[in-house]
Amino acid sequence: MGGKLNNYEIAALLTPDLSERDVQKFIRELKGLLEKHGATEIGQEKVERRPLAYQVKKHTEGYYIFIDFTAPATAPQDIRNEFRHREELLRLAFIRKPLPQTKPEPEPAEEPAPEVENG
């Protein structure tokens, strides 16, 4: 489970016929699975019920769930394998996000050497 950590956003699309309680249950299970596979810095989820651009498994709308997290490179495939057969899950995507850029600290400017007067 070790290895290099990457930043990800998970995007899950759930069927629209779920109750609010079922959506929250799915989120709890998903966050538990993230932790199981080494995810850290799990962000607050964003949930939206929206119409779909096209039909997905005979549905024209659904619940979108977005969660940011940091995890080993193997985590997305492991999570996908465990969640693949969930009936309420229409789509599942992992978006790899760039690591935050850290600016190198500027080196202190060298002070000019004191001038030596030749007498």
PDB file of N, CA and C in Angstrom:
ATOM      1  N   MET A   1       0.814  -1.196   0.000  1.00  0.00           N
ATOM      2  CA  MET A   1       0.000   0.000   0.000  1.00  0.00           C
ATOM      3  C   MET A   1       0.852   1.253   0.000  1.00  0.00           C
ATOM      4  N   GLY A   2       2.135   1.115   0.171  1.00  0.00           N
ATOM      5  CA  GLY A   2       3.010   2.267   0.223  1.00  0.00           C
ATOM      6  C   GLY A   2       3.203   2.861  -1.150  1.00  0.00           C
ATOM      7  N   GLY A   3       4.279   3.589  -1.298  1.00  0.00           N
ATOM      8  CA  GLY A   3       4.582   4.170  -2.587  1.00  0.00           C
ATOM      9  C   GLY A   3       4.287   5.646  -2.618  1.00  0.00           C
ATOM     10  N   LYS A   4       4.438   6.180  -3.816  1.00  0.00           N
ATOM     11  CA  LYS A   4       4.255   7.606  -4.028  1.00  0.00           C
ATOM     12  C   LYS A   4       2.785   7.994  -3.845  1.00  0.00           C
ATOM     13  N   LEU A   5       2.569   9.119  -3.190  1.00  0.00           N
ATOM     14  CA  LEU A   5       1.207   9.614  -2.998  1.00  0.00           C
ATOM     15  C   LEU A   5       0.859  10.608  -4.098  1.00  0.00           C
ATOM     16  N   ASN A   6      -0.377  10.547  -4.551  1.00  0.00           N
ATOM     17  CA  ASN A   6      -0.892  11.470  -5.562  1.00  0.00           C
ATOM     18  C   ASN A   6      -2.162  12.123  -5.036  1.00  0.00           C
ATOM     19  N   ASN A   7      -2.471  13.293  -5.575  1.00  0.00           N
ATOM     20  CA  ASN A   7      -3.732  13.961  -5.268  1.00  0.00           C
ATOM     21  C   ASN A   7      -4.763  13.534  -6.305  1.00  0.00           C
ATOM     22  N   TYR A   8      -5.964  13.228  -5.839  1.00  0.00           N
ATOM     23  CA  TYR A   8      -7.041  12.787  -6.724  1.00  0.00           C
ATOM     24  C   TYR A   8      -8.338  13.500  -6.362  1.00  0.00           C
ATOM     25  N   GLU A   9      -9.249  13.487  -7.322  1.00  0.00           N
ATOM     26  CA  GLU A   9     -10.643  13.813  -7.059  1.00  0.00           C
ATOM     27  C   GLU A   9     -11.431  12.618  -7.570  1.00  0.00           C
ATOM     28  N   ILE A  10     -12.325  12.124  -6.737  1.00  0.00           N
ATOM     29  CA  ILE A  10     -13.203  11.044  -7.179  1.00  0.00           C
ATOM     30  C   ILE A  10     -14.527  11.687  -7.576  1.00  0.00           C
ATOM     31  N   ALA A  11     -15.064  11.239  -8.697  1.00  0.00           N
ATOM     32  CA  ALA A  11     -16.364  11.703  -9.167  1.00  0.00           C
ATOM     33  C   ALA A  11     -17.249  10.471  -9.320  1.00  0.00           C
ATOM     34  N   ALA A  12     -18.302  10.419  -8.523  1.00  0.00           N
ATOM     35  CA  ALA A  12     -19.231   9.291  -8.573  1.00  0.00           C
ATOM     36  C   ALA A  12     -20.589   9.808  -9.029  1.00  0.00           C
ATOM     37  N   LEU A  13     -21.244   9.050  -9.867  1.00  0.00           N
ATOM     38  CA  LEU A  13     -22.585   9.380 -10.328  1.00  0.00           C
ATOM     39  C   LEU A  13     -23.519   8.280  -9.853  1.00  0.00           C
ATOM     40  N   LEU A  14     -24.514   8.679  -9.039  1.00  0.00           N
ATOM     41  CA  LEU A  14     -25.459   7.719  -8.459  1.00  0.00           C
ATOM     42  C   LEU A  14     -26.834   7.879  -9.087  1.00  0.00           C
ATOM     43  N   THR A  15     -27.634   6.823  -9.010  1.00  0.00           N
ATOM     44  CA  THR A  15     -28.993   6.865  -9.548  1.00  0.00           C
ATOM     45  C   THR A  15     -29.818   7.921  -8.808  1.00  0.00           C
ATOM     46  N   PRO A  16     -30.779   8.537  -9.499  1.00  0.00           N
ATOM     47  CA  PRO A  16     -31.561   9.609  -8.886  1.00  0.00           C
ATOM     48  C   PRO A  16     -32.635   9.129  -7.918  1.00  0.00           C
ATOM     49  N   ASP A  17     -32.926   7.837  -7.896  1.00  0.00           N
ATOM     50  CA  ASP A  17     -34.010   7.340  -7.055  1.00  0.00           C
ATOM     51  C   ASP A  17     -33.578   7.052  -5.619  1.00  0.00           C
ATOM     52  N   LEU A  18     -32.364   7.424  -5.246  1.00  0.00           N
ATOM     53  CA  LEU A  18     -31.896   7.211  -3.873  1.00  0.00           C
ATOM     54  C   LEU A  18     -32.442   8.287  -2.945  1.00  0.00           C
ATOM     55  N   SER A  19     -32.652   7.924  -1.699  1.00  0.00           N
ATOM     56  CA  SER A  19     -33.041   8.915  -0.697  1.00  0.00           C
ATOM     57  C   SER A  19     -31.782   9.643  -0.228  1.00  0.00           C
ATOM     58  N   GLU A  20     -31.975  10.758   0.438  1.00  0.00           N
ATOM     59  CA  GLU A  20     -30.837  11.507   0.991  1.00  0.00           C
ATOM     60  C   GLU A  20     -30.046  10.623   1.949  1.00  0.00           C
ATOM     61  N   ARG A  21     -30.757   9.812   2.705  1.00  0.00           N
ATOM     62  CA  ARG A  21     -30.104   8.892   3.657  1.00  0.00           C
ATOM     63  C   ARG A  21     -29.226   7.874   2.917  1.00  0.00           C
ATOM     64  N   ASP A  22     -29.726   7.349   1.789  1.00  0.00           N
ATOM     65  CA  ASP A  22     -28.949   6.387   0.998  1.00  0.00           C
ATOM     66  C   ASP A  22     -27.697   7.035   0.401  1.00  0.00           C
ATOM     67  N   VAL A  23     -27.829   8.279  -0.040  1.00  0.00           N
ATOM     68  CA  VAL A  23     -26.673   8.999  -0.594  1.00  0.00           C
ATOM     69  C   VAL A  23     -25.619   9.184   0.491  1.00  0.00           C
ATOM     70  N   GLN A  24     -26.045   9.590   1.694  1.00  0.00           N
ATOM     71  CA  GLN A  24     -25.089   9.777   2.795  1.00  0.00           C
ATOM     72  C   GLN A  24     -24.439   8.452   3.193  1.00  0.00           C
ATOM     73  N   LYS A  25     -25.197   7.367   3.144  1.00  0.00           N
ATOM     74  CA  LYS A  25     -24.645   6.044   3.454  1.00  0.00           C
ATOM     75  C   LYS A  25     -23.570   5.672   2.431  1.00  0.00           C
ATOM     76  N   PHE A  26     -23.842   5.927   1.154  1.00  0.00           N
ATOM     77  CA  PHE A  26     -22.863   5.654   0.103  1.00  0.00           C
ATOM     78  C   PHE A  26     -21.583   6.456   0.352  1.00  0.00           C
ATOM     79  N   ILE A  27     -21.730   7.723   0.715  1.00  0.00           N
ATOM     80  CA  ILE A  27     -20.562   8.580   0.965  1.00  0.00           C
ATOM     81  C   ILE A  27     -19.744   8.037   2.129  1.00  0.00           C
ATOM     82  N   ARG A  28     -20.417   7.624   3.206  1.00  0.00           N
ATOM     83  CA  ARG A  28     -19.689   7.051   4.356  1.00  0.00           C
ATOM     84  C   ARG A  28     -18.918   5.799   3.944  1.00  0.00           C
ATOM     85  N   GLU A  29     -19.563   4.938   3.165  1.00  0.00           N
ATOM     86  CA  GLU A  29     -18.901   3.710   2.706  1.00  0.00           C
ATOM     87  C   GLU A  29     -17.723   4.032   1.784  1.00  0.00           C
ATOM     88  N   LEU A  30     -17.905   5.016   0.919  1.00  0.00           N
ATOM     89  CA  LEU A  30     -16.831   5.410   0.007  1.00  0.00           C
ATOM     90  C   LEU A  30     -15.640   5.972   0.782  1.00  0.00           C
ATOM     91  N   LYS A  31     -15.910   6.830   1.764  1.00  0.00           N
ATOM     92  CA  LYS A  31     -14.818   7.386   2.572  1.00  0.00           C
ATOM     93  C   LYS A  31     -14.112   6.288   3.367  1.00  0.00           C
ATOM     94  N   GLY A  32     -14.866   5.318   3.865  1.00  0.00           N
ATOM     95  CA  GLY A  32     -14.257   4.188   4.563  1.00  0.00           C
ATOM     96  C   GLY A  32     -13.348   3.391   3.644  1.00  0.00           C
ATOM     97  N   LEU A  33     -13.780   3.212   2.404  1.00  0.00           N
ATOM     98  CA  LEU A  33     -12.971   2.494   1.422  1.00  0.00           C
ATOM     99  C   LEU A  33     -11.718   3.291   1.060  1.00  0.00           C
ATOM    100  N   LEU A  34     -11.855   4.602   0.970  1.00  0.00           N
ATOM    101  CA  LEU A  34     -10.683   5.449   0.711  1.00  0.00           C
ATOM    102  C   LEU A  34      -9.646   5.259   1.814  1.00  0.00           C
ATOM    103  N   GLU A  35     -10.103   5.311   3.065  1.00  0.00           N
ATOM    104  CA  GLU A  35      -9.186   5.131   4.198  1.00  0.00           C
ATOM    105  C   GLU A  35      -8.561   3.742   4.179  1.00  0.00           C
ATOM    106  N   LYS A  36      -9.359   2.728   3.855  1.00  0.00           N
ATOM    107  CA  LYS A  36      -8.862   1.352   3.808  1.00  0.00           C
ATOM    108  C   LYS A  36      -7.699   1.216   2.823  1.00  0.00           C
ATOM    109  N   HIS A  37      -7.753   1.975   1.745  1.00  0.00           N
ATOM    110  CA  HIS A  37      -6.717   1.883   0.713  1.00  0.00           C
ATOM    111  C   HIS A  37      -5.658   2.977   0.843  1.00  0.00           C
ATOM    112  N   GLY A  38      -5.513   3.522   2.044  1.00  0.00           N
ATOM    113  CA  GLY A  38      -4.401   4.423   2.327  1.00  0.00           C
ATOM    114  C   GLY A  38      -4.617   5.883   2.018  1.00  0.00           C
ATOM    115  N   ALA A  39      -5.848   6.297   1.758  1.00  0.00           N
ATOM    116  CA  ALA A  39      -6.099   7.704   1.455  1.00  0.00           C
ATOM    117  C   ALA A  39      -5.954   8.552   2.710  1.00  0.00           C
ATOM    118  N   THR A  40      -5.405   9.724   2.519  1.00  0.00           N
ATOM    119  CA  THR A  40      -5.277  10.699   3.595  1.00  0.00           C
ATOM    120  C   THR A  40      -5.827  12.022   3.074  1.00  0.00           C
ATOM    121  N   GLU A  41      -5.914  12.973   3.948  1.00  0.00           N
ATOM    122  CA  GLU A  41      -6.385  14.312   3.574  1.00  0.00           C
ATOM    123  C   GLU A  41      -7.677  14.229   2.760  1.00  0.00           C
ATOM    124  N   ILE A  42      -8.626  13.444   3.258  1.00  0.00           N
ATOM    125  CA  ILE A  42      -9.906  13.286   2.568  1.00  0.00           C
ATOM    126  C   ILE A  42     -10.726  14.549   2.790  1.00  0.00           C
ATOM    127  N   GLY A  43     -11.082  15.212   1.699  1.00  0.00           N
ATOM    128  CA  GLY A  43     -11.799  16.479   1.783  1.00  0.00           C
ATOM    129  C   GLY A  43     -13.288  16.297   2.005  1.00  0.00           C
ATOM    130  N   GLN A  44     -13.951  17.411   2.199  1.00  0.00           N
ATOM    131  CA  GLN A  44     -15.401  17.432   2.364  1.00  0.00           C
ATOM    132  C   GLN A  44     -16.050  17.120   1.016  1.00  0.00           C
ATOM    133  N   GLU A  45     -17.056  16.273   1.028  1.00  0.00           N
ATOM    134  CA  GLU A  45     -17.707  15.901  -0.221  1.00  0.00           C
ATOM    135  C   GLU A  45     -18.619  17.015  -0.716  1.00  0.00           C
ATOM    136  N   LYS A  46     -18.784  17.067  -2.031  1.00  0.00           N
ATOM    137  CA  LYS A  46     -19.747  17.961  -2.667  1.00  0.00           C
ATOM    138  C   LYS A  46     -20.785  17.055  -3.326  1.00  0.00           C
ATOM    139  N   VAL A  47     -22.057  17.295  -3.045  1.00  0.00           N
ATOM    140  CA  VAL A  47     -23.134  16.469  -3.599  1.00  0.00           C
ATOM    141  C   VAL A  47     -24.090  17.378  -4.361  1.00  0.00           C
ATOM    142  N   GLU A  48     -24.413  16.991  -5.596  1.00  0.00           N
ATOM    143  CA  GLU A  48     -25.350  17.757  -6.418  1.00  0.00           C
ATOM    144  C   GLU A  48     -26.249  16.789  -7.174  1.00  0.00           C
ATOM    145  N   ARG A  49     -27.530  17.084  -7.194  1.00  0.00           N
ATOM    146  CA  ARG A  49     -28.444  16.316  -8.056  1.00  0.00           C
ATOM    147  C   ARG A  49     -28.651  17.160  -9.308  1.00  0.00           C
ATOM    148  N   ARG A  50     -28.274  16.589 -10.470  1.00  0.00           N
ATOM    149  CA  ARG A  50     -28.317  17.364 -11.708  1.00  0.00           C
ATOM    150  C   ARG A  50     -28.808  16.496 -12.863  1.00  0.00           C
ATOM    151  N   PRO A  51     -29.335  17.155 -13.894  1.00  0.00           N
ATOM    152  CA  PRO A  51     -29.686  16.407 -15.105  1.00  0.00           C
ATOM    153  C   PRO A  51     -28.409  15.955 -15.811  1.00  0.00           C
ATOM    154  N   LEU A  52     -28.489  14.840 -16.502  1.00  0.00           N
ATOM    155  CA  LEU A  52     -27.346  14.310 -17.240  1.00  0.00           C
ATOM    156  C   LEU A  52     -27.365  14.841 -18.673  1.00  0.00           C
ATOM    157  N   ALA A  53     -26.212  14.958 -19.270  1.00  0.00           N
ATOM    158  CA  ALA A  53     -26.115  15.418 -20.654  1.00  0.00           C
ATOM    159  C   ALA A  53     -26.699  14.382 -21.614  1.00  0.00           C
ATOM    160  N   TYR A  54     -26.657  13.126 -21.217  1.00  0.00           N
ATOM    161  CA  TYR A  54     -27.213  12.039 -22.015  1.00  0.00           C
ATOM    162  C   TYR A  54     -27.643  10.929 -21.065  1.00  0.00           C
ATOM    163  N   GLN A  55     -28.483  10.031 -21.551  1.00  0.00           N
ATOM    164  CA  GLN A  55     -28.976   8.943 -20.705  1.00  0.00           C
ATOM    165  C   GLN A  55     -27.850   7.998 -20.310  1.00  0.00           C
ATOM    166  N   VAL A  56     -27.847   7.618 -19.036  1.00  0.00           N
ATOM    167  CA  VAL A  56     -26.896   6.635 -18.532  1.00  0.00           C
ATOM    168  C   VAL A  56     -27.717   5.553 -17.844  1.00  0.00           C
ATOM    169  N   LYS A  57     -27.676   4.353 -18.391  1.00  0.00           N
ATOM    170  CA  LYS A  57     -28.437   3.222 -17.852  1.00  0.00           C
ATOM    171  C   LYS A  57     -29.901   3.600 -17.613  1.00  0.00           C
ATOM    172  N   LYS A  58     -30.503   4.249 -18.611  1.00  0.00           N
ATOM    173  CA  LYS A  58     -31.915   4.653 -18.625  1.00  0.00           C
ATOM    174  C   LYS A  58     -32.252   5.778 -17.648  1.00  0.00           C
ATOM    175  N   HIS A  59     -31.255   6.480 -17.125  1.00  0.00           N
ATOM    176  CA  HIS A  59     -31.496   7.611 -16.221  1.00  0.00           C
ATOM    177  C   HIS A  59     -31.134   8.914 -16.928  1.00  0.00           C
ATOM    178  N   THR A  60     -31.934   9.959 -16.647  1.00  0.00           N
ATOM    179  CA  THR A  60     -31.672  11.266 -17.245  1.00  0.00           C
ATOM    180  C   THR A  60     -31.163  12.278 -16.226  1.00  0.00           C
ATOM    181  N   GLU A  61     -31.090  11.885 -14.963  1.00  0.00           N
ATOM    182  CA  GLU A  61     -30.487  12.724 -13.926  1.00  0.00           C
ATOM    183  C   GLU A  61     -29.859  11.820 -12.883  1.00  0.00           C
ATOM    184  N   GLY A  62     -29.067  12.424 -12.004  1.00  0.00           N
ATOM    185  CA  GLY A  62     -28.403  11.623 -10.987  1.00  0.00           C
ATOM    186  C   GLY A  62     -27.724  12.491  -9.949  1.00  0.00           C
ATOM    187  N   TYR A  63     -27.216  11.850  -8.927  1.00  0.00           N
ATOM    188  CA  TYR A  63     -26.452  12.530  -7.881  1.00  0.00           C
ATOM    189  C   TYR A  63     -24.970  12.475  -8.240  1.00  0.00           C
ATOM    190  N   TYR A  64     -24.354  13.636  -8.312  1.00  0.00           N
ATOM    191  CA  TYR A  64     -22.908  13.714  -8.508  1.00  0.00           C
ATOM    192  C   TYR A  64     -22.260  13.884  -7.141  1.00  0.00           C
ATOM    193  N   ILE A  65     -21.221  13.120  -6.884  1.00  0.00           N
ATOM    194  CA  ILE A  65     -20.470  13.232  -5.631  1.00  0.00           C
ATOM    195  C   ILE A  65     -19.008  13.442  -5.995  1.00  0.00           C
ATOM    196  N   PHE A  66     -18.405  14.475  -5.411  1.00  0.00           N
ATOM    197  CA  PHE A  66     -16.997  14.788  -5.650  1.00  0.00           C
ATOM    198  C   PHE A  66     -16.270  14.830  -4.315  1.00  0.00           C
ATOM    199  N   ILE A  67     -15.129  14.140  -4.225  1.00  0.00           N
ATOM    200  CA  ILE A  67     -14.319  14.138  -3.004  1.00  0.00           C
ATOM    201  C   ILE A  67     -12.849  14.207  -3.403  1.00  0.00           C
ATOM    202  N   ASP A  68     -12.116  15.150  -2.819  1.00  0.00           N
ATOM    203  CA  ASP A  68     -10.664  15.246  -3.012  1.00  0.00           C
ATOM    204  C   ASP A  68      -9.968  14.399  -1.961  1.00  0.00           C
ATOM    205  N   PHE A  69      -8.853  13.779  -2.336  1.00  0.00           N
ATOM    206  CA  PHE A  69      -8.082  12.989  -1.379  1.00  0.00           C
ATOM    207  C   PHE A  69      -6.674  12.769  -1.905  1.00  0.00           C
ATOM    208  N   THR A  70      -5.800  12.323  -1.029  1.00  0.00           N
ATOM    209  CA  THR A  70      -4.428  11.962  -1.370  1.00  0.00           C
ATOM    210  C   THR A  70      -4.275  10.479  -1.074  1.00  0.00           C
ATOM    211  N   ALA A  71      -3.689   9.731  -2.017  1.00  0.00           N
ATOM    212  CA  ALA A  71      -3.583   8.278  -1.834  1.00  0.00           C
ATOM    213  C   ALA A  71      -2.447   7.721  -2.685  1.00  0.00           C
ATOM    214  N   PRO A  72      -2.039   6.490  -2.362  1.00  0.00           N
ATOM    215  CA  PRO A  72      -1.048   5.819  -3.210  1.00  0.00           C
ATOM    216  C   PRO A  72      -1.606   5.612  -4.620  1.00  0.00           C
ATOM    217  N   ALA A  73      -0.718   5.464  -5.575  1.00  0.00           N
ATOM    218  CA  ALA A  73      -1.112   5.324  -6.982  1.00  0.00           C
ATOM    219  C   ALA A  73      -1.989   4.101  -7.238  1.00  0.00           C
ATOM    220  N   THR A  74      -1.920   3.100  -6.383  1.00  0.00           N
ATOM    221  CA  THR A  74      -2.712   1.880  -6.588  1.00  0.00           C
ATOM    222  C   THR A  74      -4.151   2.011  -6.087  1.00  0.00           C
ATOM    223  N   ALA A  75      -4.434   3.011  -5.280  1.00  0.00           N
ATOM    224  CA  ALA A  75      -5.749   3.135  -4.638  1.00  0.00           C
ATOM    225  C   ALA A  75      -6.917   3.246  -5.621  1.00  0.00           C
ATOM    226  N   PRO A  76      -6.847   4.083  -6.663  1.00  0.00           N
ATOM    227  CA  PRO A  76      -8.014   4.195  -7.546  1.00  0.00           C
ATOM    228  C   PRO A  76      -8.468   2.859  -8.139  1.00  0.00           C
ATOM    229  N   GLN A  77      -7.542   2.051  -8.609  1.00  0.00           N
ATOM    230  CA  GLN A  77      -7.937   0.770  -9.203  1.00  0.00           C
ATOM    231  C   GLN A  77      -8.503  -0.174  -8.145  1.00  0.00           C
ATOM    232  N   ASP A  78      -7.908  -0.176  -6.952  1.00  0.00           N
ATOM    233  CA  ASP A  78      -8.416  -1.027  -5.871  1.00  0.00           C
ATOM    234  C   ASP A  78      -9.839  -0.631  -5.482  1.00  0.00           C
ATOM    235  N   ILE A  79     -10.087   0.665  -5.391  1.00  0.00           N
ATOM    236  CA  ILE A  79     -11.417   1.160  -5.023  1.00  0.00           C
ATOM    237  C   ILE A  79     -12.415   0.827  -6.130  1.00  0.00           C
ATOM    238  N   ARG A  80     -12.008   1.049  -7.368  1.00  0.00           N
ATOM    239  CA  ARG A  80     -12.886   0.741  -8.505  1.00  0.00           C
ATOM    240  C   ARG A  80     -13.279  -0.741  -8.495  1.00  0.00           C
ATOM    241  N   ASN A  81     -12.324  -1.616  -8.214  1.00  0.00           N
ATOM    242  CA  ASN A  81     -12.611  -3.053  -8.186  1.00  0.00           C
ATOM    243  C   ASN A  81     -13.630  -3.405  -7.108  1.00  0.00           C
ATOM    244  N   GLU A  82     -13.576  -2.729  -5.971  1.00  0.00           N
ATOM    245  CA  GLU A  82     -14.512  -3.043  -4.880  1.00  0.00           C
ATOM    246  C   GLU A  82     -15.897  -2.441  -5.092  1.00  0.00           C
ATOM    247  N   PHE A  83     -15.991  -1.311  -5.806  1.00  0.00           N
ATOM    248  CA  PHE A  83     -17.271  -0.625  -5.981  1.00  0.00           C
ATOM    249  C   PHE A  83     -17.933  -0.917  -7.321  1.00  0.00           C
ATOM    250  N   ARG A  84     -17.272  -1.619  -8.183  1.00  0.00           N
ATOM    251  CA  ARG A  84     -17.701  -1.806  -9.569  1.00  0.00           C
ATOM    252  C   ARG A  84     -19.130  -2.327  -9.717  1.00  0.00           C
ATOM    253  N   HIS A  85     -19.580  -3.202  -8.860  1.00  0.00           N
ATOM    254  CA  HIS A  85     -20.873  -3.868  -9.050  1.00  0.00           C
ATOM    255  C   HIS A  85     -22.009  -3.270  -8.220  1.00  0.00           C
ATOM    256  N   ARG A  86     -21.826  -2.088  -7.692  1.00  0.00           N
ATOM    257  CA  ARG A  86     -22.883  -1.445  -6.910  1.00  0.00           C
ATOM    258  C   ARG A  86     -24.000  -0.983  -7.845  1.00  0.00           C
ATOM    259  N   GLU A  87     -25.237  -1.379  -7.534  1.00  0.00           N
ATOM    260  CA  GLU A  87     -26.368  -1.041  -8.401  1.00  0.00           C
ATOM    261  C   GLU A  87     -26.626   0.456  -8.477  1.00  0.00           C
ATOM    262  N   GLU A  88     -26.429   1.160  -7.362  1.00  0.00           N
ATOM    263  CA  GLU A  88     -26.735   2.588  -7.344  1.00  0.00           C
ATOM    264  C   GLU A  88     -25.671   3.430  -8.043  1.00  0.00           C
ATOM    265  N   LEU A  89     -24.547   2.834  -8.389  1.00  0.00           N
ATOM    266  CA  LEU A  89     -23.432   3.553  -9.006  1.00  0.00           C
ATOM    267  C   LEU A  89     -23.539   3.483 -10.528  1.00  0.00           C
ATOM    268  N   LEU A  90     -23.745   4.650 -11.151  1.00  0.00           N
ATOM    269  CA  LEU A  90     -23.830   4.701 -12.609  1.00  0.00           C
ATOM    270  C   LEU A  90     -22.453   4.869 -13.244  1.00  0.00           C
ATOM    271  N   ARG A  91     -21.620   5.718 -12.660  1.00  0.00           N
ATOM    272  CA  ARG A  91     -20.273   5.975 -13.174  1.00  0.00           C
ATOM    273  C   ARG A  91     -19.348   6.282 -12.001  1.00  0.00           C
ATOM    274  N   LEU A  92     -18.060   5.976 -12.198  1.00  0.00           N
ATOM    275  CA  LEU A  92     -17.045   6.271 -11.189  1.00  0.00           C
ATOM    276  C   LEU A  92     -15.781   6.684 -11.928  1.00  0.00           C
ATOM    277  N   ALA A  93     -15.255   7.853 -11.601  1.00  0.00           N
ATOM    278  CA  ALA A  93     -14.043   8.343 -12.262  1.00  0.00           C
ATOM    279  C   ALA A  93     -13.081   8.893 -11.220  1.00  0.00           C
ATOM    280  N   PHE A  94     -11.808   8.723 -11.495  1.00  0.00           N
ATOM    281  CA  PHE A  94     -10.753   9.280 -10.654  1.00  0.00           C
ATOM    282  C   PHE A  94      -9.969  10.266 -11.503  1.00  0.00           C
ATOM    283  N   ILE A  95      -9.845  11.482 -11.012  1.00  0.00           N
ATOM    284  CA  ILE A  95      -9.104  12.516 -11.714  1.00  0.00           C
ATOM    285  C   ILE A  95      -7.836  12.787 -10.919  1.00  0.00           C
ATOM    286  N   ARG A  96      -6.693  12.578 -11.554  1.00  0.00           N
ATOM    287  CA  ARG A  96      -5.429  12.857 -10.870  1.00  0.00           C
ATOM    288  C   ARG A  96      -5.172  14.349 -10.964  1.00  0.00           C
ATOM    289  N   LYS A  97      -4.949  14.964  -9.818  1.00  0.00           N
ATOM    290  CA  LYS A  97      -4.750  16.403  -9.761  1.00  0.00           C
ATOM    291  C   LYS A  97      -3.268  16.688  -9.548  1.00  0.00           C
ATOM    292  N   PRO A  98      -2.793  17.795 -10.071  1.00  0.00           N
ATOM    293  CA  PRO A  98      -1.376  18.114  -9.879  1.00  0.00           C
ATOM    294  C   PRO A  98      -1.082  18.400  -8.412  1.00  0.00           C
ATOM    295  N   LEU A  99       0.121  18.047  -8.011  1.00  0.00           N
ATOM    296  CA  LEU A  99       0.549  18.365  -6.653  1.00  0.00           C
ATOM    297  C   LEU A  99       0.709  19.868  -6.550  1.00  0.00           C
ATOM    298  N   PRO A 100       0.455  20.435  -5.377  1.00  0.00           N
ATOM    299  CA  PRO A 100       0.607  21.880  -5.232  1.00  0.00           C
ATOM    300  C   PRO A 100       2.045  22.288  -5.534  1.00  0.00           C
ATOM    301  N   GLN A 101       2.174  23.366  -6.262  1.00  0.00           N
ATOM    302  CA  GLN A 101       3.504  23.869  -6.593  1.00  0.00           C
ATOM    303  C   GLN A 101       4.088  24.583  -5.386  1.00  0.00           C
ATOM    304  N   THR A 102       5.289  24.216  -5.044  1.00  0.00           N
ATOM    305  CA  THR A 102       5.971  24.915  -3.964  1.00  0.00           C
ATOM    306  C   THR A 102       7.053  25.761  -4.593  1.00  0.00           C
ATOM    307  N   LYS A 103       7.029  27.018  -4.270  1.00  0.00           N
ATOM    308  CA  LYS A 103       8.023  27.926  -4.827  1.00  0.00           C
ATOM    309  C   LYS A 103       9.312  27.780  -4.039  1.00  0.00           C
ATOM    310  N   PRO A 104      10.417  27.617  -4.735  1.00  0.00           N
ATOM    311  CA  PRO A 104      11.677  27.551  -3.997  1.00  0.00           C
ATOM    312  C   PRO A 104      11.958  28.902  -3.364  1.00  0.00           C
ATOM    313  N   GLU A 105      12.471  28.841  -2.158  1.00  0.00           N
ATOM    314  CA  GLU A 105      12.782  30.092  -1.479  1.00  0.00           C
ATOM    315  C   GLU A 105      13.966  30.733  -2.172  1.00  0.00           C
ATOM    316  N   PRO A 106      13.876  32.049  -2.417  1.00  0.00           N
ATOM    317  CA  PRO A 106      14.995  32.709  -3.082  1.00  0.00           C
ATOM    318  C   PRO A 106      16.223  32.707  -2.176  1.00  0.00           C
ATOM    319  N   GLU A 107      17.352  32.508  -2.822  1.00  0.00           N
ATOM    320  CA  GLU A 107      18.581  32.530  -2.042  1.00  0.00           C
ATOM    321  C   GLU A 107      18.849  33.965  -1.636  1.00  0.00           C
ATOM    322  N   PRO A 108      19.376  34.138  -0.432  1.00  0.00           N
ATOM    323  CA  PRO A 108      19.651  35.513  -0.008  1.00  0.00           C
ATOM    324  C   PRO A 108      20.687  36.138  -0.934  1.00  0.00           C
ATOM    325  N   ALA A 109      20.437  37.375  -1.260  1.00  0.00           N
ATOM    326  CA  ALA A 109      21.366  38.082  -2.140  1.00  0.00           C
ATOM    327  C   ALA A 109      22.689  38.276  -1.412  1.00  0.00           C
ATOM    328  N   GLU A 110      23.745  38.093  -2.160  1.00  0.00           N
ATOM    329  CA  GLU A 110      25.052  38.288  -1.539  1.00  0.00           C
ATOM    330  C   GLU A 110      25.275  39.771  -1.337  1.00  0.00           C
ATOM    331  N   GLU A 111      25.792  40.077  -0.177  1.00  0.00           N
ATOM    332  CA  GLU A 111      26.120  41.474   0.073  1.00  0.00           C
ATOM    333  C   GLU A 111      27.416  41.782  -0.657  1.00  0.00           C
ATOM    334  N   PRO A 112      27.507  42.974  -1.221  1.00  0.00           N
ATOM    335  CA  PRO A 112      28.750  43.304  -1.915  1.00  0.00           C
ATOM    336  C   PRO A 112      29.912  43.333  -0.920  1.00  0.00           C
ATOM    337  N   ALA A 113      31.038  42.870  -1.382  1.00  0.00           N
ATOM    338  CA  ALA A 113      32.222  42.872  -0.513  1.00  0.00           C
ATOM    339  C   ALA A 113      32.592  44.312  -0.203  1.00  0.00           C
ATOM    340  N   PRO A 114      33.023  44.553   1.020  1.00  0.00           N
ATOM    341  CA  PRO A 114      33.406  45.933   1.352  1.00  0.00           C
ATOM    342  C   PRO A 114      34.585  46.361   0.482  1.00  0.00           C
ATOM    343  N   GLU A 115      34.493  47.589   0.066  1.00  0.00           N
ATOM    344  CA  GLU A 115      35.568  48.103  -0.784  1.00  0.00           C
ATOM    345  C   GLU A 115      36.803  48.347   0.063  1.00  0.00           C
ATOM    346  N   VAL A 116      37.927  47.986  -0.485  1.00  0.00           N
ATOM    347  CA  VAL A 116      39.192  48.196   0.218  1.00  0.00           C
ATOM    348  C   VAL A 116      39.880  49.384  -0.434  1.00  0.00           C
ATOM    349  N   GLU A 117      40.204  50.325   0.398  1.00  0.00           N
ATOM    350  CA  GLU A 117      40.882  51.501  -0.150  1.00  0.00           C
ATOM    351  C   GLU A 117      42.378  51.267  -0.135  1.00  0.00           C
ATOM    352  N   ASN A 118      42.982  51.543  -1.238  1.00  0.00           N
ATOM    353  CA  ASN A 118      44.437  51.464  -1.295  1.00  0.00           C
ATOM    354  C   ASN A 118      44.985  52.859  -1.035  1.00  0.00           C
ATOM    355  N   GLY A 119      45.814  52.906  -0.086  1.00  0.00           N
ATOM    356  CA  GLY A 119      46.268  54.182   0.348  1.00  0.00           C
ATOM    357  C   GLY A 119      47.463  54.724  -0.151  1.00  0.00           C
TER     358      GLY A 119
END
